[in-house]
Structure formats: C-alpha cells, structure tokens
Amino acid sequence: MSLSGGETVRLLIACAIALQPERIAIDGLLEQLDRRSRPAIGDVLSSSKLGIEFHVSDNDPQAITTLFDRHIKFERGANSVDLNSRLLALSERVSQQRVSAPSLGLEGLCFSYPSSNRPVFDRADYSFQPGRPYILKAPNGAGKSTLARLLCGVLAPQSGRLDVAGQSFSPHRSRDNLIFYAFQNPLDQIFGTTTRAYLDALSNVAAQRKTFLAGKIGLTTDDVLAGLGITPFAEAEPFELPFVVAKRLSLAGALLARSPWIFLDEPALSSDADGRAGLRHLVQALCEAGFGTIIVSHGEEFDGLPHSTPVTIQGGKIREGV
C-alpha cells in the first residue's frame, strides 16, 4: 500500500516481462514515470526482445520513441468522447468565484513507513499559500502521494505539525473540509452505483462538514458533469468508465467537495492535447478564484502557469525548484 504510482508501474512491467509473452501492450503507463526513470525502463523493455505496443492519445509519442529502437507499434487516437469543448466555459465560471483559502504550513514534519529504512519526511518545513499553483515534481517514490495523505489526514505524522492560517491543525482528527485529494488512480476513491450518485453523495457529505470557504461555491453536479464533458456517463457504473473519464470524475469531486485546498495527483493522465490545455485553464481559474492548489505532474502541461511555484521533495525536505 506504500508503493507510489511510478513504483506500481515498475512492478506491473516487471510482472509482464516475467510472464514472457510475445507482446506487451502498454496503455499510458509511462506517463506515471519520472523522466529519469523512463530511459531505464526503456532499456529493460528493449533488452527483453519482446514486442512492445503502446496505446497513446497524443501524449508525446516522440518522447517514447526516443527510448526504444525496435519492437515498437503505436496505436494513436484522440479521446473518443468530447471531454474538452466546455472546459473553458467551466474555467471562466470557476475564476469568478471568491474563495478565501487559508495558508497551509508544515513545521518540523517527520514521517516514515515501518517497512522503509529511510524517512519520507525528516523535519520538513514549508508554507503553501493560496492563489498560486504549486507544481510538485519529484522522482517516483520520493513522497508526493505521502504528502497528500498527510495533508488529508489519511496518515498522521510521527512528529512535527501542520498548521492552517498559523494555527496548529490535525487533519487525521478533524472532520473539516480543508483539502480534497484527487488520487492518481481515481478508481481508488470513487464509490457509488453511478457517476451521478457518487457526486451527489460527495456533495451531500461535504455540505454536512465545516468548510474553510468564505461562501458556498455555486456549482451543482450537473454543472461539473457538463463542464468536464462527462454528462454522457452520468448513469454509468464508475468501474466501467474509461480511465480518462474516471480522471475527470475525480476532478469533478474536487469541484463539489467545498474544500479550499485541492491536491491534484497527475490530473492530465490519459488526456489528449486539447484536454491538457483545458485542464491548464481550469487550474489557473482555481488559483484566480483564491483556491490553494498543489499539482503533481511529471509532464510539462502545468509548467509556467502565472505565479506558479515549482517544488520538489529531496532528502526528506520540501524545496522550491526541481
């Protein structure tokens, strides 16, 4: 359970190679690997002398091509449903909201997994400010998802503290709606009999909990379904959804949870070029509205956003830069 998304991908590839099939089909997995890992995985796959087939939706196939010199077949195609046409309108509506998110700080934070001989965080200090996107880039296994779990209260620090607007805060003991974590794998957090039922249930639970927002955000389930292009899937069972639609459903949850801070873990996975551009506009709109946003991304789709701050995790610390 402590494997990162990138480590899970490595495990899947290792299992596939161990089975020695004639061909391995890789559906978008390399997006979850950091850029330093991709050449190493490329060497392993190329030396296996297996047939390698990639399924991509214009997610930089040229970058994949540079890793392999043989046994490659690409299946290209844009997203088959119109997920992008209303993203700009949704972004415009979000940017007009007025949210007063508090600052979010870490002081002397320490955390390690029992199975590991090194700490993930070792007296880490950092202050996140609302209204600007933090672009978190770090190697696979560095602690990006662990940071999200600590901020949400899924994990508790061994020592140190989190603070909200300068006041000590224990999210693992709180029912406050401080932060919404959109998982890298959305199927790990989606529940309910249908897409609409999941969003309605999430919205109802959020309405019963304390929120740090200055006021209620005027978005309904229908608004986010339409704005994210997933209305055709409103009555679908969540585990039957295409991955890219499930990613949008996770993002829809973030817009309905009434949380002033949103942690997006690889939100553009499986999106085509238009989708990545639309998601960039949506993140910018969230910041303009006053939300706090932390975005994990191994790609470049969120780089250079206005007032963005690149951060990384290194040596148990959170540092600015990459």
Protein backbone atom coordinates (compact mmCIF):
# COMPACT_ATOMS: atom_id res chain seq x y z
CA MET A 1 0.00 0.00 0.00
CA SER A 2 3.01 2.32 0.32
CA LEU A 3 4.10 1.95 -3.32
CA SER A 4 3.94 5.14 -5.34
CA GLY A 5 2.20 5.28 -8.71
CA GLY A 6 5.54 5.07 -10.52
CA GLU A 7 6.71 2.14 -8.39
CA THR A 8 3.46 0.33 -9.13
CA VAL A 9 4.10 0.81 -12.86
CA ARG A 10 7.58 -0.69 -12.49
CA LEU A 11 6.08 -3.68 -10.68
CA LEU A 12 3.49 -4.19 -13.43
CA ILE A 13 6.18 -4.08 -16.13
CA ALA A 14 8.38 -6.50 -14.19
CA CYS A 15 5.47 -8.95 -13.88
CA ALA A 16 4.69 -8.62 -17.59
CA ILE A 17 8.30 -9.37 -18.57
CA ALA A 18 8.46 -12.31 -16.17
CA LEU A 19 5.48 -13.91 -17.97
CA GLN A 20 7.46 -13.79 -21.27
CA PRO A 21 4.50 -13.05 -23.59
CA GLU A 22 5.01 -12.49 -27.31
CA ARG A 23 3.89 -8.87 -26.97
CA ILE A 24 3.36 -6.35 -24.16
CA ALA A 25 0.73 -3.63 -24.64
CA ILE A 26 1.40 -0.54 -22.52
CA ASP A 27 -1.58 1.74 -22.09
CA GLY A 28 -0.39 5.16 -20.90
CA LEU A 29 1.70 3.82 -18.00
CA LEU A 30 4.90 5.66 -18.88
CA GLU A 31 3.20 8.98 -18.07
CA GLN A 32 3.41 7.98 -14.40
CA LEU A 33 7.20 7.55 -14.50
CA ASP A 34 9.53 10.44 -13.77
CA ARG A 35 11.77 11.47 -16.65
CA ARG A 36 14.86 9.89 -15.12
CA SER A 37 13.11 6.52 -14.84
CA ARG A 38 11.86 6.34 -18.42
CA PRO A 39 15.24 5.65 -20.10
CA ALA A 40 15.96 2.85 -17.61
CA ILE A 41 12.57 1.25 -18.24
CA GLY A 42 13.17 1.70 -21.96
CA ASP A 43 16.46 -0.20 -21.71
CA VAL A 44 14.80 -3.04 -19.80
CA LEU A 45 11.95 -3.38 -22.28
CA SER A 46 14.22 -3.15 -25.33
CA SER A 47 16.63 -5.76 -23.98
CA SER A 48 13.71 -8.13 -23.29
CA LYS A 49 13.34 -8.60 -27.09
CA LEU A 50 9.56 -8.74 -26.63
CA GLY A 51 7.14 -6.99 -28.94
CA ILE A 52 6.12 -3.68 -27.34
CA GLU A 53 2.86 -1.95 -28.24
CA PHE A 54 1.98 1.50 -26.92
CA HIS A 55 -1.51 2.96 -26.76
CA VAL A 56 -1.27 6.76 -26.63
CA SER A 57 -3.64 9.70 -27.08
CA ASP A 58 -1.11 12.15 -28.45
CA ASN A 59 0.71 12.21 -25.14
CA ASP A 60 4.09 12.94 -26.67
CA PRO A 61 4.72 9.68 -28.57
CA GLN A 62 8.01 11.20 -29.77
CA ALA A 63 9.33 11.11 -26.21
CA ILE A 64 8.54 7.40 -26.06
CA THR A 65 10.13 6.77 -29.44
CA THR A 66 13.46 8.13 -28.23
CA LEU A 67 13.61 5.38 -25.59
CA PHE A 68 13.25 2.40 -27.88
CA ASP A 69 14.89 1.43 -31.13
CA ARG A 70 12.92 -1.69 -32.04
CA HIS A 71 9.80 -3.81 -31.44
CA ILE A 72 7.52 -0.77 -31.32
CA LYS A 73 3.97 -0.39 -32.51
CA PHE A 74 1.89 2.72 -31.73
CA GLU A 75 -1.87 2.98 -31.65
CA ARG A 76 -2.71 6.68 -31.71
CA GLY A 77 -6.03 8.41 -31.26
CA ALA A 78 -7.69 11.35 -29.57
CA ASN A 79 -10.19 10.88 -26.73
CA SER A 80 -13.24 9.28 -28.31
CA VAL A 81 -15.80 11.43 -26.49
CA ASP A 82 -15.95 15.21 -26.39
CA LEU A 83 -14.40 15.89 -23.00
CA ASN A 84 -12.97 19.29 -23.81
CA SER A 85 -15.43 21.61 -25.56
CA ARG A 86 -16.89 23.12 -22.35
CA LEU A 87 -13.75 23.25 -20.23
CA LEU A 88 -13.09 26.90 -20.99
CA ALA A 89 -16.64 27.89 -20.01
CA LEU A 90 -16.29 25.96 -16.74
CA SER A 91 -12.91 27.63 -16.12
CA GLU A 92 -14.45 31.07 -16.65
CA ARG A 93 -17.21 30.30 -14.16
CA VAL A 94 -14.76 28.98 -11.57
CA SER A 95 -12.48 32.01 -11.92
CA GLN A 96 -15.39 34.29 -10.95
CA GLN A 97 -15.79 32.59 -7.55
CA ARG A 98 -14.33 34.26 -4.49
CA VAL A 99 -12.69 31.80 -2.10
CA SER A 100 -10.65 32.69 0.98
CA ALA A 101 -8.38 29.69 1.37
CA PRO A 102 -6.08 29.77 4.40
CA SER A 103 -2.32 29.29 4.28
CA LEU A 104 -1.14 25.72 4.79
CA GLY A 105 2.14 25.06 6.59
CA LEU A 106 4.41 22.21 7.69
CA GLU A 107 6.66 22.63 10.71
CA GLY A 108 9.29 20.01 11.58
CA LEU A 109 7.22 17.30 9.91
CA CYS A 110 8.58 13.75 10.25
CA PHE A 111 7.15 10.61 8.72
CA SER A 112 8.44 7.18 7.70
CA TYR A 113 6.85 3.87 6.74
CA PRO A 114 7.59 0.89 9.01
CA SER A 115 8.86 -1.12 6.03
CA SER A 116 11.39 1.54 4.98
CA ASN A 117 14.85 2.26 6.36
CA ARG A 118 14.71 5.93 5.41
CA PRO A 119 12.28 8.71 6.38
CA VAL A 120 9.99 10.16 3.74
CA PHE A 121 9.99 13.48 5.60
CA ASP A 122 12.66 14.49 8.10
CA ARG A 123 11.88 17.76 9.95
CA ALA A 124 10.33 19.22 6.81
CA ASP A 125 9.23 22.87 6.83
CA TYR A 126 7.26 24.62 4.13
CA SER A 127 4.45 27.15 3.73
CA PHE A 128 1.89 26.82 0.92
CA GLN A 129 -0.03 29.98 0.06
CA PRO A 130 -3.42 30.09 -1.71
CA GLY A 131 -3.98 31.69 -5.09
CA ARG A 132 -0.91 30.23 -6.79
CA PRO A 133 -0.30 26.78 -8.27
CA TYR A 134 2.41 24.65 -6.69
CA ILE A 135 3.79 22.25 -9.30
CA LEU A 136 5.23 19.27 -7.42
CA LYS A 137 7.83 17.32 -9.38
CA ALA A 138 9.93 14.65 -7.67
CA PRO A 139 11.24 11.18 -8.53
CA ASN A 140 8.92 8.18 -8.19
CA GLY A 141 8.77 7.15 -4.54
CA ALA A 142 10.04 10.48 -3.20
CA GLY A 143 6.87 11.08 -1.16
CA LYS A 144 4.44 13.09 -3.31
CA SER A 145 1.40 10.90 -2.56
CA THR A 146 2.52 10.55 1.06
CA LEU A 147 2.44 14.34 1.38
CA ALA A 148 -1.14 14.36 0.11
CA ARG A 149 -2.14 11.65 2.59
CA LEU A 150 -0.58 13.57 5.46
CA LEU A 151 -2.34 16.78 4.46
CA CYS A 152 -5.67 14.96 4.20
CA GLY A 153 -5.27 13.06 7.45
CA VAL A 154 -5.14 9.59 5.90
CA LEU A 155 -1.70 9.34 7.55
CA ALA A 156 -0.54 11.01 10.76
CA PRO A 157 2.97 12.45 11.17
CA GLN A 158 5.29 10.85 13.73
CA SER A 159 6.30 14.32 14.90
CA GLY A 160 6.05 17.93 13.86
CA ARG A 161 2.82 19.62 12.92
CA LEU A 162 0.60 21.03 10.22
CA ASP A 163 -0.82 24.49 10.62
CA VAL A 164 -3.69 26.31 8.94
CA ALA A 165 -3.51 30.12 8.93
CA GLY A 166 -0.83 29.85 11.61
CA GLN A 167 -2.88 27.62 13.93
CA SER A 168 -1.99 24.00 14.68
CA PHE A 169 -4.22 21.59 12.76
CA SER A 170 -4.57 17.79 12.95
CA PRO A 171 -6.38 16.64 9.81
CA HIS A 172 -6.38 12.97 10.93
CA ARG A 173 -8.57 14.03 13.89
CA SER A 174 -10.68 16.59 12.08
CA ARG A 175 -13.90 16.50 10.09
CA ASP A 176 -13.19 19.85 8.46
CA ASN A 177 -13.17 20.17 4.68
CA LEU A 178 -9.66 21.54 4.34
CA ILE A 179 -8.25 19.66 1.36
CA PHE A 180 -9.55 17.41 -1.40
CA TYR A 181 -7.11 14.86 -2.76
CA ALA A 182 -7.80 13.71 -6.33
CA PHE A 183 -5.92 10.40 -6.46
CA GLN A 184 -3.57 9.43 -9.27
CA ASN A 185 -5.71 6.31 -9.71
CA PRO A 186 -9.28 7.66 -9.43
CA LEU A 187 -10.83 4.21 -9.02
CA ASP A 188 -9.21 4.04 -5.56
CA GLN A 189 -11.57 6.77 -4.32
CA ILE A 190 -14.75 6.58 -6.40
CA PHE A 191 -17.77 4.88 -4.84
CA GLY A 192 -21.49 4.67 -5.58
CA THR A 193 -23.73 2.88 -8.05
CA THR A 194 -23.43 5.55 -10.76
CA THR A 195 -21.28 8.57 -11.62
CA ARG A 196 -24.09 10.91 -10.59
CA ALA A 197 -24.70 9.01 -7.34
CA TYR A 198 -21.03 9.35 -6.40
CA LEU A 199 -21.02 13.12 -6.97
CA ASP A 200 -24.35 13.63 -5.19
CA ALA A 201 -23.16 11.63 -2.19
CA LEU A 202 -19.87 13.51 -2.07
CA SER A 203 -21.67 16.85 -2.28
CA ASN A 204 -24.12 15.85 0.49
CA VAL A 205 -21.33 14.75 2.83
CA ALA A 206 -19.38 17.96 2.15
CA ALA A 207 -22.46 20.04 2.99
CA GLN A 208 -22.59 18.48 6.47
CA ARG A 209 -18.98 19.28 7.33
CA LYS A 210 -17.26 22.52 8.31
CA THR A 211 -15.69 24.34 5.40
CA PHE A 212 -12.97 26.98 5.38
CA LEU A 213 -14.51 28.65 2.33
CA ALA A 214 -15.85 32.19 2.58
CA GLY A 215 -19.11 31.07 0.94
CA LYS A 216 -20.74 28.23 -0.92
CA ILE A 217 -19.43 27.61 -4.42
CA GLY A 218 -22.31 27.79 -6.86
CA LEU A 219 -21.61 24.59 -8.79
CA THR A 220 -24.02 21.65 -8.97
CA THR A 221 -23.50 18.05 -10.00
CA ASP A 222 -24.95 18.84 -13.43
CA ASP A 223 -22.65 21.85 -13.80
CA VAL A 224 -19.47 19.84 -13.30
CA LEU A 225 -20.68 16.85 -15.33
CA ALA A 226 -21.37 19.14 -18.28
CA GLY A 227 -18.30 21.34 -17.80
CA LEU A 228 -15.95 18.35 -17.72
CA GLY A 229 -17.64 16.68 -20.68
CA ILE A 230 -18.80 13.57 -18.81
CA THR A 231 -22.58 14.04 -18.84
CA PRO A 232 -22.97 11.01 -21.19
CA PHE A 233 -21.53 8.89 -18.38
CA ALA A 234 -23.79 10.26 -15.61
CA GLU A 235 -25.67 6.98 -15.16
CA ALA A 236 -22.70 4.70 -15.78
CA GLU A 237 -21.25 2.46 -13.07
CA PRO A 238 -17.94 4.11 -12.04
CA PHE A 239 -15.81 0.98 -12.52
CA GLU A 240 -16.98 0.71 -16.13
CA LEU A 241 -15.67 4.17 -17.03
CA PRO A 242 -12.75 4.74 -19.40
CA PHE A 243 -9.72 5.85 -17.39
CA VAL A 244 -9.72 9.40 -18.76
CA VAL A 245 -13.41 9.79 -17.79
CA ALA A 246 -12.68 8.46 -14.30
CA LYS A 247 -9.93 11.08 -14.00
CA ARG A 248 -12.46 13.78 -14.90
CA LEU A 249 -14.90 12.33 -12.35
CA SER A 250 -12.23 12.65 -9.67
CA LEU A 251 -11.73 16.28 -10.68
CA ALA A 252 -15.50 16.82 -10.54
CA GLY A 253 -15.38 15.64 -6.95
CA ALA A 254 -12.76 18.27 -6.17
CA LEU A 255 -15.08 20.99 -7.50
CA LEU A 256 -18.00 19.79 -5.38
CA ALA A 257 -16.24 18.99 -2.10
CA ARG A 258 -16.21 22.61 -0.85
CA SER A 259 -12.55 22.31 0.12
CA PRO A 260 -10.38 25.42 -0.19
CA TRP A 261 -7.27 23.35 -0.97
CA ILE A 262 -7.13 20.88 -3.85
CA PHE A 263 -4.32 18.35 -4.34
CA LEU A 264 -4.36 17.01 -7.91
CA ASP A 265 -2.21 13.93 -8.49
CA GLU A 266 -1.37 13.71 -12.22
CA PRO A 267 -4.74 15.23 -13.31
CA ALA A 268 -3.86 15.11 -17.03
CA LEU A 269 -3.15 11.37 -17.26
CA SER A 270 -4.66 9.94 -20.48
CA SER A 271 -5.88 13.36 -21.67
CA ASP A 272 -5.20 14.37 -25.25
CA ALA A 273 -3.53 17.69 -26.15
CA ASP A 274 -6.78 19.70 -26.06
CA GLY A 275 -7.68 18.16 -22.73
CA ARG A 276 -4.33 19.03 -21.20
CA ALA A 277 -4.69 22.63 -22.38
CA GLY A 278 -8.21 22.80 -20.94
CA LEU A 279 -7.09 21.42 -17.59
CA ARG A 280 -4.35 24.03 -17.50
CA HIS A 281 -7.01 26.76 -17.88
CA LEU A 282 -9.07 25.15 -15.10
CA VAL A 283 -6.13 25.08 -12.68
CA GLN A 284 -5.41 28.74 -13.47
CA ALA A 285 -9.07 29.55 -12.82
CA LEU A 286 -8.95 27.80 -9.43
CA CYS A 287 -5.98 29.94 -8.46
CA GLU A 288 -7.64 33.14 -9.68
CA ALA A 289 -10.66 32.29 -7.53
CA GLY A 290 -8.44 32.02 -4.45
CA PHE A 291 -8.18 28.26 -4.02
CA GLY A 292 -4.99 26.63 -2.87
CA THR A 293 -3.70 24.15 -5.45
CA ILE A 294 -0.91 21.57 -5.42
CA ILE A 295 -0.45 19.66 -8.68
CA VAL A 296 1.72 16.58 -9.11
CA SER A 297 2.85 16.24 -12.72
CA HIS A 298 5.72 14.52 -14.50
CA GLY A 299 4.72 16.30 -17.71
CA GLU A 300 5.02 19.93 -18.72
CA GLU A 301 1.35 20.83 -19.16
CA PHE A 302 1.22 22.97 -15.97
CA ASP A 303 4.69 24.48 -16.15
CA GLY A 304 4.80 28.25 -16.50
CA LEU A 305 1.32 28.96 -15.14
CA PRO A 306 1.05 32.55 -13.82
CA HIS A 307 2.56 32.85 -10.31
CA SER A 308 3.37 29.12 -10.27
CA THR A 309 5.95 27.75 -7.86
CA PRO A 310 7.84 24.55 -8.72
CA VAL A 311 8.58 22.40 -5.66
CA THR A 312 10.26 19.05 -5.12
CA ILE A 313 10.92 16.56 -2.32
CA GLN A 314 14.58 15.84 -1.67
CA GLY A 315 16.35 14.37 1.32
CA GLY A 316 13.18 14.38 3.38
CA LYS A 317 12.62 18.10 2.78
CA ILE A 318 10.26 20.11 0.58
CA ARG A 319 12.25 22.55 -1.53
CA GLU A 320 11.45 25.08 -4.21
CA GLY A 321 12.78 24.25 -7.66
CA VAL A 322 13.05 20.93 -9.50
